[in-house]
Amino acid sequence: MNSYRRQYLFGGLFVAFAIYQAVVGDLLEFSLYGAAGLAFILNATTFEPRLLAYKKPLVITTWILMIATGILFLYLLQFKYL
């Protein structure tokens, strides 16, 4: 399994766990895992040869999702677990 497929796998696992958190009713963790999963998936799509024309917007969106995931993680630590 190459590293690109592994990123799709991790992204899919994060999105599946986000859906579980939405069903449970914890929308803060849903947004955290959803953003992380989408960041993994979009990062993997930047290496697709057919999407080479859209590489710059995909990379920008990936970085925005990574930063949002970090902020959500810090918010979750501060207000839910501490």
PDB file of N, CA and C in Angstrom:
ATOM      1  N   MET A   1       0.854  -1.168   0.000  1.00  0.00           N
ATOM      2  CA  MET A   1       0.000   0.000   0.000  1.00  0.00           C
ATOM      3  C   MET A   1       0.904   1.236   0.000  1.00  0.00           C
ATOM      4  N   ASN A   2       0.696   2.107  -0.975  1.00  0.00           N
ATOM      5  CA  ASN A   2       1.540   3.291  -1.037  1.00  0.00           C
ATOM      6  C   ASN A   2       1.018   4.368  -0.076  1.00  0.00           C
ATOM      7  N   SER A   3       1.797   5.407   0.086  1.00  0.00           N
ATOM      8  CA  SER A   3       1.469   6.426   1.084  1.00  0.00           C
ATOM      9  C   SER A   3       0.226   7.229   0.723  1.00  0.00           C
ATOM     10  N   TYR A   4      -0.081   7.338  -0.569  1.00  0.00           N
ATOM     11  CA  TYR A   4      -1.268   8.103  -0.961  1.00  0.00           C
ATOM     12  C   TYR A   4      -2.542   7.361  -0.588  1.00  0.00           C
ATOM     13  N   ARG A   5      -2.541   6.069  -0.808  1.00  0.00           N
ATOM     14  CA  ARG A   5      -3.712   5.277  -0.416  1.00  0.00           C
ATOM     15  C   ARG A   5      -3.861   5.239   1.095  1.00  0.00           C
ATOM     16  N   ARG A   6      -2.751   5.261   1.797  1.00  0.00           N
ATOM     17  CA  ARG A   6      -2.797   5.288   3.254  1.00  0.00           C
ATOM     18  C   ARG A   6      -3.443   6.574   3.746  1.00  0.00           C
ATOM     19  N   GLN A   7      -3.185   7.698   3.070  1.00  0.00           N
ATOM     20  CA  GLN A   7      -3.814   8.957   3.454  1.00  0.00           C
ATOM     21  C   GLN A   7      -5.318   8.905   3.214  1.00  0.00           C
ATOM     22  N   TYR A   8      -5.735   8.286   2.103  1.00  0.00           N
ATOM     23  CA  TYR A   8      -7.167   8.099   1.869  1.00  0.00           C
ATOM     24  C   TYR A   8      -7.788   7.224   2.952  1.00  0.00           C
ATOM     25  N   LEU A   9      -7.076   6.184   3.366  1.00  0.00           N
ATOM     26  CA  LEU A   9      -7.569   5.286   4.401  1.00  0.00           C
ATOM     27  C   LEU A   9      -7.726   6.013   5.735  1.00  0.00           C
ATOM     28  N   PHE A  10      -6.696   6.758   6.147  1.00  0.00           N
ATOM     29  CA  PHE A  10      -6.788   7.509   7.396  1.00  0.00           C
ATOM     30  C   PHE A  10      -7.884   8.569   7.327  1.00  0.00           C
ATOM     31  N   GLY A  11      -7.991   9.242   6.203  1.00  0.00           N
ATOM     32  CA  GLY A  11      -9.043  10.231   6.032  1.00  0.00           C
ATOM     33  C   GLY A  11     -10.418   9.603   6.123  1.00  0.00           C
ATOM     34  N   GLY A  12     -10.578   8.443   5.508  1.00  0.00           N
ATOM     35  CA  GLY A  12     -11.862   7.747   5.589  1.00  0.00           C
ATOM     36  C   GLY A  12     -12.195   7.302   7.001  1.00  0.00           C
ATOM     37  N   LEU A  13     -11.182   6.849   7.734  1.00  0.00           N
ATOM     38  CA  LEU A  13     -11.410   6.463   9.128  1.00  0.00           C
ATOM     39  C   LEU A  13     -11.813   7.663   9.977  1.00  0.00           C
ATOM     40  N   PHE A  14     -11.147   8.798   9.758  1.00  0.00           N
ATOM     41  CA  PHE A  14     -11.502   9.998  10.501  1.00  0.00           C
ATOM     42  C   PHE A  14     -12.922  10.456  10.169  1.00  0.00           C
ATOM     43  N   VAL A  15     -13.294  10.409   8.896  1.00  0.00           N
ATOM     44  CA  VAL A  15     -14.645  10.818   8.503  1.00  0.00           C
ATOM     45  C   VAL A  15     -15.680   9.847   9.073  1.00  0.00           C
ATOM     46  N   ALA A  16     -15.374   8.550   9.075  1.00  0.00           N
ATOM     47  CA  ALA A  16     -16.298   7.573   9.660  1.00  0.00           C
ATOM     48  C   ALA A  16     -16.476   7.830  11.155  1.00  0.00           C
ATOM     49  N   PHE A  17     -15.403   8.136  11.845  1.00  0.00           N
ATOM     50  CA  PHE A  17     -15.512   8.437  13.270  1.00  0.00           C
ATOM     51  C   PHE A  17     -16.248   9.752  13.485  1.00  0.00           C
ATOM     52  N   ALA A  18     -16.095  10.701  12.565  1.00  0.00           N
ATOM     53  CA  ALA A  18     -16.839  11.960  12.659  1.00  0.00           C
ATOM     54  C   ALA A  18     -18.334  11.701  12.519  1.00  0.00           C
ATOM     55  N   ILE A  19     -18.705  10.822  11.604  1.00  0.00           N
ATOM     56  CA  ILE A  19     -20.126  10.482  11.456  1.00  0.00           C
ATOM     57  C   ILE A  19     -20.650   9.823  12.727  1.00  0.00           C
ATOM     58  N   TYR A  20     -19.843   8.964  13.335  1.00  0.00           N
ATOM     59  CA  TYR A  20     -20.228   8.355  14.607  1.00  0.00           C
ATOM     60  C   TYR A  20     -20.436   9.420  15.684  1.00  0.00           C
ATOM     61  N   GLN A  21     -19.544  10.397  15.754  1.00  0.00           N
ATOM     62  CA  GLN A  21     -19.680  11.454  16.749  1.00  0.00           C
ATOM     63  C   GLN A  21     -20.929  12.297  16.489  1.00  0.00           C
ATOM     64  N   ALA A  22     -21.300  12.474  15.218  1.00  0.00           N
ATOM     65  CA  ALA A  22     -22.527  13.215  14.901  1.00  0.00           C
ATOM     66  C   ALA A  22     -23.752  12.434  15.340  1.00  0.00           C
ATOM     67  N   VAL A  23     -23.716  11.116  15.181  1.00  0.00           N
ATOM     68  CA  VAL A  23     -24.845  10.287  15.612  1.00  0.00           C
ATOM     69  C   VAL A  23     -24.968  10.315  17.129  1.00  0.00           C
ATOM     70  N   VAL A  24     -23.833  10.283  17.813  1.00  0.00           N
ATOM     71  CA  VAL A  24     -23.841  10.333  19.278  1.00  0.00           C
ATOM     72  C   VAL A  24     -24.333  11.700  19.769  1.00  0.00           C
ATOM     73  N   GLY A  25     -24.049  12.739  18.997  1.00  0.00           N
ATOM     74  CA  GLY A  25     -24.511  14.072  19.364  1.00  0.00           C
ATOM     75  C   GLY A  25     -23.421  15.021  19.805  1.00  0.00           C
ATOM     76  N   ASP A  26     -22.177  14.621  19.698  1.00  0.00           N
ATOM     77  CA  ASP A  26     -21.064  15.483  20.085  1.00  0.00           C
ATOM     78  C   ASP A  26     -20.562  16.226  18.848  1.00  0.00           C
ATOM     79  N   LEU A  27     -21.131  17.394  18.594  1.00  0.00           N
ATOM     80  CA  LEU A  27     -20.823  18.119  17.367  1.00  0.00           C
ATOM     81  C   LEU A  27     -19.440  18.751  17.370  1.00  0.00           C
ATOM     82  N   LEU A  28     -18.876  19.018  18.546  1.00  0.00           N
ATOM     83  CA  LEU A  28     -17.522  19.567  18.599  1.00  0.00           C
ATOM     84  C   LEU A  28     -16.507  18.538  18.113  1.00  0.00           C
ATOM     85  N   GLU A  29     -16.620  17.314  18.596  1.00  0.00           N
ATOM     86  CA  GLU A  29     -15.705  16.273  18.122  1.00  0.00           C
ATOM     87  C   GLU A  29     -16.017  15.888  16.683  1.00  0.00           C
ATOM     88  N   PHE A  30     -17.275  15.997  16.271  1.00  0.00           N
ATOM     89  CA  PHE A  30     -17.625  15.773  14.871  1.00  0.00           C
ATOM     90  C   PHE A  30     -16.869  16.737  13.966  1.00  0.00           C
ATOM     91  N   SER A  31     -16.846  18.009  14.345  1.00  0.00           N
ATOM     92  CA  SER A  31     -16.149  18.991  13.513  1.00  0.00           C
ATOM     93  C   SER A  31     -14.640  18.761  13.530  1.00  0.00           C
ATOM     94  N   LEU A  32     -14.099  18.342  14.663  1.00  0.00           N
ATOM     95  CA  LEU A  32     -12.665  18.060  14.754  1.00  0.00           C
ATOM     96  C   LEU A  32     -12.277  16.898  13.841  1.00  0.00           C
ATOM     97  N   TYR A  33     -12.957  15.771  13.979  1.00  0.00           N
ATOM     98  CA  TYR A  33     -12.605  14.595  13.179  1.00  0.00           C
ATOM     99  C   TYR A  33     -12.963  14.795  11.708  1.00  0.00           C
ATOM    100  N   GLY A  34     -14.030  15.522  11.431  1.00  0.00           N
ATOM    101  CA  GLY A  34     -14.393  15.798  10.044  1.00  0.00           C
ATOM    102  C   GLY A  34     -13.353  16.655   9.347  1.00  0.00           C
ATOM    103  N   ALA A  35     -12.881  17.689  10.029  1.00  0.00           N
ATOM    104  CA  ALA A  35     -11.847  18.552   9.441  1.00  0.00           C
ATOM    105  C   ALA A  35     -10.539  17.784   9.247  1.00  0.00           C
ATOM    106  N   ALA A  36     -10.188  16.952  10.207  1.00  0.00           N
ATOM    107  CA  ALA A  36      -8.958  16.166  10.077  1.00  0.00           C
ATOM    108  C   ALA A  36      -9.069  15.170   8.923  1.00  0.00           C
ATOM    109  N   GLY A  37     -10.208  14.507   8.810  1.00  0.00           N
ATOM    110  CA  GLY A  37     -10.400  13.553   7.726  1.00  0.00           C
ATOM    111  C   GLY A  37     -10.380  14.214   6.361  1.00  0.00           C
ATOM    112  N   LEU A  38     -11.034  15.354   6.237  1.00  0.00           N
ATOM    113  CA  LEU A  38     -11.015  16.066   4.962  1.00  0.00           C
ATOM    114  C   LEU A  38      -9.620  16.578   4.634  1.00  0.00           C
ATOM    115  N   ALA A  39      -8.865  16.973   5.638  1.00  0.00           N
ATOM    116  CA  ALA A  39      -7.485  17.417   5.390  1.00  0.00           C
ATOM    117  C   ALA A  39      -6.639  16.268   4.840  1.00  0.00           C
ATOM    118  N   PHE A  40      -6.791  15.069   5.414  1.00  0.00           N
ATOM    119  CA  PHE A  40      -6.059  13.906   4.899  1.00  0.00           C
ATOM    120  C   PHE A  40      -6.459  13.607   3.465  1.00  0.00           C
ATOM    121  N   ILE A  41      -7.752  13.611   3.192  1.00  0.00           N
ATOM    122  CA  ILE A  41      -8.238  13.258   1.855  1.00  0.00           C
ATOM    123  C   ILE A  41      -7.799  14.291   0.829  1.00  0.00           C
ATOM    124  N   LEU A  42      -7.937  15.580   1.154  1.00  0.00           N
ATOM    125  CA  LEU A  42      -7.519  16.611   0.204  1.00  0.00           C
ATOM    126  C   LEU A  42      -6.009  16.618  -0.007  1.00  0.00           C
ATOM    127  N   ASN A  43      -5.255  16.296   1.041  1.00  0.00           N
ATOM    128  CA  ASN A  43      -3.805  16.218   0.883  1.00  0.00           C
ATOM    129  C   ASN A  43      -3.431  15.087  -0.076  1.00  0.00           C
ATOM    130  N   ALA A  44      -4.150  13.992  -0.024  1.00  0.00           N
ATOM    131  CA  ALA A  44      -3.871  12.887  -0.945  1.00  0.00           C
ATOM    132  C   ALA A  44      -4.270  13.238  -2.371  1.00  0.00           C
ATOM    133  N   THR A  45      -5.319  14.035  -2.537  1.00  0.00           N
ATOM    134  CA  THR A  45      -5.748  14.391  -3.891  1.00  0.00           C
ATOM    135  C   THR A  45      -4.781  15.359  -4.571  1.00  0.00           C
ATOM    136  N   THR A  46      -3.933  16.025  -3.810  1.00  0.00           N
ATOM    137  CA  THR A  46      -2.980  16.942  -4.438  1.00  0.00           C
ATOM    138  C   THR A  46      -1.953  16.200  -5.286  1.00  0.00           C
ATOM    139  N   PHE A  47      -1.790  14.888  -5.059  1.00  0.00           N
ATOM    140  CA  PHE A  47      -0.813  14.107  -5.814  1.00  0.00           C
ATOM    141  C   PHE A  47      -1.435  13.358  -6.991  1.00  0.00           C
ATOM    142  N   GLU A  48      -2.729  13.534  -7.207  1.00  0.00           N
ATOM    143  CA  GLU A  48      -3.384  12.887  -8.346  1.00  0.00           C
ATOM    144  C   GLU A  48      -2.979  13.588  -9.634  1.00  0.00           C
ATOM    145  N   PRO A  49      -2.561  12.854 -10.636  1.00  0.00           N
ATOM    146  CA  PRO A  49      -2.120  13.493 -11.891  1.00  0.00           C
ATOM    147  C   PRO A  49      -3.244  14.217 -12.635  1.00  0.00           C
ATOM    148  N   ARG A  50      -4.476  13.732 -12.530  1.00  0.00           N
ATOM    149  CA  ARG A  50      -5.583  14.377 -13.231  1.00  0.00           C
ATOM    150  C   ARG A  50      -5.982  15.702 -12.601  1.00  0.00           C
ATOM    151  N   LEU A  51      -5.629  15.912 -11.349  1.00  0.00           N
ATOM    152  CA  LEU A  51      -5.995  17.147 -10.649  1.00  0.00           C
ATOM    153  C   LEU A  51      -4.827  18.122 -10.554  1.00  0.00           C
ATOM    154  N   LEU A  52      -3.854  17.980 -11.416  1.00  0.00           N
ATOM    155  CA  LEU A  52      -2.672  18.833 -11.366  1.00  0.00           C
ATOM    156  C   LEU A  52      -3.022  20.303 -11.591  1.00  0.00           C
ATOM    157  N   ALA A  53      -4.037  20.575 -12.390  1.00  0.00           N
ATOM    158  CA  ALA A  53      -4.435  21.963 -12.645  1.00  0.00           C
ATOM    159  C   ALA A  53      -5.027  22.624 -11.402  1.00  0.00           C
ATOM    160  N   TYR A  54      -5.528  21.823 -10.458  1.00  0.00           N
ATOM    161  CA  TYR A  54      -6.156  22.352  -9.242  1.00  0.00           C
ATOM    162  C   TYR A  54      -5.263  22.190  -8.014  1.00  0.00           C
ATOM    163  N   LYS A  55      -3.973  21.975  -8.220  1.00  0.00           N
ATOM    164  CA  LYS A  55      -3.084  21.674  -7.097  1.00  0.00           C
ATOM    165  C   LYS A  55      -3.006  22.828  -6.097  1.00  0.00           C
ATOM    166  N   LYS A  56      -2.864  24.067  -6.585  1.00  0.00           N
ATOM    167  CA  LYS A  56      -2.708  25.188  -5.666  1.00  0.00           C
ATOM    168  C   LYS A  56      -3.953  25.393  -4.789  1.00  0.00           C
ATOM    169  N   PRO A  57      -5.174  25.408  -5.350  1.00  0.00           N
ATOM    170  CA  PRO A  57      -6.339  25.541  -4.465  1.00  0.00           C
ATOM    171  C   PRO A  57      -6.504  24.363  -3.504  1.00  0.00           C
ATOM    172  N   LEU A  58      -6.139  23.161  -3.944  1.00  0.00           N
ATOM    173  CA  LEU A  58      -6.227  22.007  -3.051  1.00  0.00           C
ATOM    174  C   LEU A  58      -5.250  22.116  -1.888  1.00  0.00           C
ATOM    175  N   VAL A  59      -4.047  22.582  -2.166  1.00  0.00           N
ATOM    176  CA  VAL A  59      -3.048  22.738  -1.100  1.00  0.00           C
ATOM    177  C   VAL A  59      -3.483  23.830  -0.122  1.00  0.00           C
ATOM    178  N   ILE A  60      -4.015  24.923  -0.646  1.00  0.00           N
ATOM    179  CA  ILE A  60      -4.486  26.006   0.232  1.00  0.00           C
ATOM    180  C   ILE A  60      -5.622  25.513   1.118  1.00  0.00           C
ATOM    181  N   THR A  61      -6.555  24.775   0.540  1.00  0.00           N
ATOM    182  CA  THR A  61      -7.674  24.241   1.317  1.00  0.00           C
ATOM    183  C   THR A  61      -7.195  23.235   2.349  1.00  0.00           C
ATOM    184  N   THR A  62      -6.208  22.425   1.989  1.00  0.00           N
ATOM    185  CA  THR A  62      -5.649  21.466   2.940  1.00  0.00           C
ATOM    186  C   THR A  62      -5.024  22.179   4.124  1.00  0.00           C
ATOM    187  N   TRP A  63      -4.260  23.231   3.866  1.00  0.00           N
ATOM    188  CA  TRP A  63      -3.639  23.984   4.962  1.00  0.00           C
ATOM    189  C   TRP A  63      -4.691  24.663   5.834  1.00  0.00           C
ATOM    190  N   ILE A  64      -5.734  25.184   5.238  1.00  0.00           N
ATOM    191  CA  ILE A  64      -6.804  25.801   6.032  1.00  0.00           C
ATOM    192  C   ILE A  64      -7.456  24.762   6.934  1.00  0.00           C
ATOM    193  N   LEU A  65      -7.704  23.575   6.399  1.00  0.00           N
ATOM    194  CA  LEU A  65      -8.297  22.516   7.215  1.00  0.00           C
ATOM    195  C   LEU A  65      -7.348  22.040   8.316  1.00  0.00           C
ATOM    196  N   MET A  66      -6.051  21.995   8.040  1.00  0.00           N
ATOM    197  CA  MET A  66      -5.091  21.609   9.084  1.00  0.00           C
ATOM    198  C   MET A  66      -5.049  22.635  10.212  1.00  0.00           C
ATOM    199  N   ILE A  67      -5.053  23.901   9.856  1.00  0.00           N
ATOM    200  CA  ILE A  67      -5.052  24.955  10.876  1.00  0.00           C
ATOM    201  C   ILE A  67      -6.344  24.918  11.672  1.00  0.00           C
ATOM    202  N   ALA A  68      -7.474  24.720  10.984  1.00  0.00           N
ATOM    203  CA  ALA A  68      -8.766  24.628  11.676  1.00  0.00           C
ATOM    204  C   ALA A  68      -8.797  23.425  12.608  1.00  0.00           C
ATOM    205  N   THR A  69      -8.200  22.313  12.189  1.00  0.00           N
ATOM    206  CA  THR A  69      -8.137  21.123  13.042  1.00  0.00           C
ATOM    207  C   THR A  69      -7.318  21.403  14.291  1.00  0.00           C
ATOM    208  N   GLY A  70      -6.199  22.089  14.144  1.00  0.00           N
ATOM    209  CA  GLY A  70      -5.383  22.440  15.307  1.00  0.00           C
ATOM    210  C   GLY A  70      -6.122  23.351  16.272  1.00  0.00           C
ATOM    211  N   ILE A  71      -6.819  24.340  15.747  1.00  0.00           N
ATOM    212  CA  ILE A  71      -7.585  25.255  16.604  1.00  0.00           C
ATOM    213  C   ILE A  71      -8.718  24.518  17.303  1.00  0.00           C
ATOM    214  N   LEU A  72      -9.423  23.660  16.565  1.00  0.00           N
ATOM    215  CA  LEU A  72     -10.496  22.877  17.186  1.00  0.00           C
ATOM    216  C   LEU A  72      -9.959  21.934  18.256  1.00  0.00           C
ATOM    217  N   PHE A  73      -8.791  21.355  18.019  1.00  0.00           N
ATOM    218  CA  PHE A  73      -8.192  20.465  19.010  1.00  0.00           C
ATOM    219  C   PHE A  73      -7.850  21.221  20.286  1.00  0.00           C
ATOM    220  N   LEU A  74      -7.249  22.396  20.150  1.00  0.00           N
ATOM    221  CA  LEU A  74      -6.926  23.193  21.332  1.00  0.00           C
ATOM    222  C   LEU A  74      -8.187  23.646  22.059  1.00  0.00           C
ATOM    223  N   TYR A  75      -9.219  24.018  21.310  1.00  0.00           N
ATOM    224  CA  TYR A  75     -10.494  24.404  21.916  1.00  0.00           C
ATOM    225  C   TYR A  75     -11.113  23.224  22.664  1.00  0.00           C
ATOM    226  N   LEU A  76     -11.046  22.041  22.062  1.00  0.00           N
ATOM    227  CA  LEU A  76     -11.591  20.845  22.699  1.00  0.00           C
ATOM    228  C   LEU A  76     -10.838  20.515  23.978  1.00  0.00           C
ATOM    229  N   LEU A  77      -9.509  20.620  23.949  1.00  0.00           N
ATOM    230  CA  LEU A  77      -8.738  20.366  25.157  1.00  0.00           C
ATOM    231  C   LEU A  77      -9.056  21.362  26.260  1.00  0.00           C
ATOM    232  N   GLN A  78      -9.188  22.618  25.905  1.00  0.00           N
ATOM    233  CA  GLN A  78      -9.379  23.650  26.905  1.00  0.00           C
ATOM    234  C   GLN A  78     -10.750  23.596  27.543  1.00  0.00           C
ATOM    235  N   PHE A  79     -11.791  23.394  26.765  1.00  0.00           N
ATOM    236  CA  PHE A  79     -13.134  23.544  27.303  1.00  0.00           C
ATOM    237  C   PHE A  79     -13.863  22.240  27.562  1.00  0.00           C
ATOM    238  N   LYS A  80     -13.322  21.117  27.118  1.00  0.00           N
ATOM    239  CA  LYS A  80     -14.032  19.861  27.361  1.00  0.00           C
ATOM    240  C   LYS A  80     -13.293  18.971  28.343  1.00  0.00           C
ATOM    241  N   TYR A  81     -11.983  18.936  28.293  1.00  0.00           N
ATOM    242  CA  TYR A  81     -11.251  17.966  29.097  1.00  0.00           C
ATOM    243  C   TYR A  81     -10.441  18.589  30.234  1.00  0.00           C
ATOM    244  N   LEU A  82     -10.221  19.879  30.247  1.00  0.00           N
ATOM    245  CA  LEU A  82      -9.436  20.477  31.336  1.00  0.00           C
ATOM    246  C   LEU A  82     -10.308  21.197  32.322  1.00  0.00           C
TER     247      LEU A  82
END
